[in-house]
Amino acid sequence: MSSQAPSTASRRIVWESVVTVISAAILIGAEVFGAAFAGGWALAILFGLDDTGAHVVQAVLFLIGVAVMIAFIRAASRVEPFTTRA
């Protein structure tokens, strides 16, 4: 094994890929989190929950939305790499 740390000086940021992924994440995030809050409200009414129950359902759906966004950004960064070797 080598005792040298890998050099990051030879990498450069591919801004086109970063902007593409961030833009898509903003669009998809607005849809995911909007659906989480609207869905939580709708499910609370459907099941006859009070305001606290509605907030709990919204929080659960929000956390699922966070997991979806993390998975999206990880997958997108594999397709559109953020860095490249110079």
C-alpha atoms as a PDB file:
ATOM      1  CA  MET A   1       0.000   0.000   0.000  1.00  0.00           C
ATOM      2  CA  SER A   2       1.075   3.523  -0.672  1.00  0.00           C
ATOM      3  CA  SER A   3       1.361   5.964   2.191  1.00  0.00           C
ATOM      4  CA  GLN A   4       0.694   8.951  -0.056  1.00  0.00           C
ATOM      5  CA  ALA A   5      -2.671  10.648   0.000  1.00  0.00           C
ATOM      6  CA  PRO A   6      -4.350  10.960  -3.407  1.00  0.00           C
ATOM      7  CA  SER A   7      -3.844  14.374  -4.940  1.00  0.00           C
ATOM      8  CA  THR A   8      -6.966  16.395  -5.619  1.00  0.00           C
ATOM      9  CA  ALA A   9      -5.015  19.117  -7.426  1.00  0.00           C
ATOM     10  CA  SER A  10      -5.480  17.330 -10.769  1.00  0.00           C
ATOM     11  CA  ARG A  11      -9.286  17.496 -10.573  1.00  0.00           C
ATOM     12  CA  ARG A  12     -11.473  20.259 -11.887  1.00  0.00           C
ATOM     13  CA  ILE A  13     -15.148  20.965 -11.316  1.00  0.00           C
ATOM     14  CA  VAL A  14     -17.454  20.435 -14.285  1.00  0.00           C
ATOM     15  CA  TRP A  15     -19.796  23.355 -13.678  1.00  0.00           C
ATOM     16  CA  GLU A  16     -22.207  22.361 -16.452  1.00  0.00           C
ATOM     17  CA  SER A  17     -22.898  19.072 -14.692  1.00  0.00           C
ATOM     18  CA  VAL A  18     -23.216  20.729 -11.282  1.00  0.00           C
ATOM     19  CA  VAL A  19     -25.691  23.315 -12.589  1.00  0.00           C
ATOM     20  CA  THR A  20     -27.691  20.642 -14.430  1.00  0.00           C
ATOM     21  CA  VAL A  21     -28.022  18.408 -11.375  1.00  0.00           C
ATOM     22  CA  ILE A  22     -28.808  21.303  -9.007  1.00  0.00           C
ATOM     23  CA  SER A  23     -31.446  22.671 -11.401  1.00  0.00           C
ATOM     24  CA  ALA A  24     -33.096  19.274 -11.714  1.00  0.00           C
ATOM     25  CA  ALA A  25     -32.929  18.812  -7.928  1.00  0.00           C
ATOM     26  CA  ILE A  26     -34.714  22.136  -7.395  1.00  0.00           C
ATOM     27  CA  LEU A  27     -37.470  21.178  -9.825  1.00  0.00           C
ATOM     28  CA  ILE A  28     -37.909  17.659  -8.482  1.00  0.00           C
ATOM     29  CA  GLY A  29     -37.577  18.848  -4.873  1.00  0.00           C
ATOM     30  CA  ALA A  30     -40.418  21.340  -5.332  1.00  0.00           C
ATOM     31  CA  GLU A  31     -42.622  18.544  -6.611  1.00  0.00           C
ATOM     32  CA  VAL A  32     -41.580  16.000  -3.965  1.00  0.00           C
ATOM     33  CA  PHE A  33     -41.926  18.317  -0.981  1.00  0.00           C
ATOM     34  CA  GLY A  34     -45.102  19.920  -2.300  1.00  0.00           C
ATOM     35  CA  ALA A  35     -46.598  16.452  -2.702  1.00  0.00           C
ATOM     36  CA  ALA A  36     -45.440  15.528   0.813  1.00  0.00           C
ATOM     37  CA  PHE A  37     -47.212  18.448   2.434  1.00  0.00           C
ATOM     38  CA  ALA A  38     -50.339  18.222   0.295  1.00  0.00           C
ATOM     39  CA  GLY A  39     -50.455  14.444   0.675  1.00  0.00           C
ATOM     40  CA  GLY A  40     -50.044  14.706   4.441  1.00  0.00           C
ATOM     41  CA  TRP A  41     -52.888  17.189   4.620  1.00  0.00           C
ATOM     42  CA  ALA A  42     -55.108  15.005   2.390  1.00  0.00           C
ATOM     43  CA  LEU A  43     -54.329  11.819   4.346  1.00  0.00           C
ATOM     44  CA  ALA A  44     -55.039  13.597   7.642  1.00  0.00           C
ATOM     45  CA  ILE A  45     -58.472  14.618   6.366  1.00  0.00           C
ATOM     46  CA  LEU A  46     -59.109  11.133   4.953  1.00  0.00           C
ATOM     47  CA  PHE A  47     -58.325   9.466   8.290  1.00  0.00           C
ATOM     48  CA  GLY A  48     -59.931  12.174  10.421  1.00  0.00           C
ATOM     49  CA  LEU A  49     -56.729  13.280  12.144  1.00  0.00           C
ATOM     50  CA  ASP A  50     -56.369  16.555  14.009  1.00  0.00           C
ATOM     51  CA  ASP A  51     -53.723  19.218  13.275  1.00  0.00           C
ATOM     52  CA  THR A  52     -51.031  17.372  15.220  1.00  0.00           C
ATOM     53  CA  GLY A  53     -51.728  14.164  13.305  1.00  0.00           C
ATOM     54  CA  ALA A  54     -51.575  16.072  10.031  1.00  0.00           C
ATOM     55  CA  HIS A  55     -48.184  17.514  10.974  1.00  0.00           C
ATOM     56  CA  VAL A  56     -46.875  14.074  11.903  1.00  0.00           C
ATOM     57  CA  VAL A  57     -48.002  12.599   8.578  1.00  0.00           C
ATOM     58  CA  GLN A  58     -46.457  15.560   6.740  1.00  0.00           C
ATOM     59  CA  ALA A  59     -43.187  15.098   8.637  1.00  0.00           C
ATOM     60  CA  VAL A  60     -43.049  11.405   7.727  1.00  0.00           C
ATOM     61  CA  LEU A  61     -43.708  12.160   4.070  1.00  0.00           C
ATOM     62  CA  PHE A  62     -41.133  14.985   4.225  1.00  0.00           C
ATOM     63  CA  LEU A  63     -38.493  12.533   5.497  1.00  0.00           C
ATOM     64  CA  ILE A  64     -39.364  10.148   2.677  1.00  0.00           C
ATOM     65  CA  GLY A  65     -38.937  13.102   0.309  1.00  0.00           C
ATOM     66  CA  VAL A  66     -35.479  13.801   1.748  1.00  0.00           C
ATOM     67  CA  ALA A  67     -34.520  10.171   1.105  1.00  0.00           C
ATOM     68  CA  VAL A  68     -35.808  10.469  -2.484  1.00  0.00           C
ATOM     69  CA  MET A  69     -33.779  13.642  -3.059  1.00  0.00           C
ATOM     70  CA  ILE A  70     -30.598  12.095  -1.640  1.00  0.00           C
ATOM     71  CA  ALA A  71     -31.044   9.076  -3.913  1.00  0.00           C
ATOM     72  CA  PHE A  72     -31.681  11.354  -6.893  1.00  0.00           C
ATOM     73  CA  ILE A  73     -28.583  13.482  -6.340  1.00  0.00           C
ATOM     74  CA  ARG A  74     -26.394  10.397  -5.823  1.00  0.00           C
ATOM     75  CA  ALA A  75     -27.679   8.800  -9.026  1.00  0.00           C
ATOM     76  CA  ALA A  76     -27.432  12.049 -10.972  1.00  0.00           C
ATOM     77  CA  SER A  77     -23.841  12.630  -9.871  1.00  0.00           C
ATOM     78  CA  ARG A  78     -22.924   9.200 -11.254  1.00  0.00           C
ATOM     79  CA  VAL A  79     -24.459  10.062 -14.615  1.00  0.00           C
ATOM     80  CA  GLU A  80     -23.197  13.676 -14.652  1.00  0.00           C
ATOM     81  CA  PRO A  81     -19.883  13.617 -12.722  1.00  0.00           C
ATOM     82  CA  PHE A  82     -19.148  16.802 -10.772  1.00  0.00           C
ATOM     83  CA  THR A  83     -15.377  16.526 -11.203  1.00  0.00           C
ATOM     84  CA  THR A  84     -13.006  15.342 -13.884  1.00  0.00           C
ATOM     85  CA  ARG A  85      -9.307  14.774 -14.048  1.00  0.00           C
ATOM     86  CA  ALA A  86      -7.475  17.644 -15.703  1.00  0.00           C
END
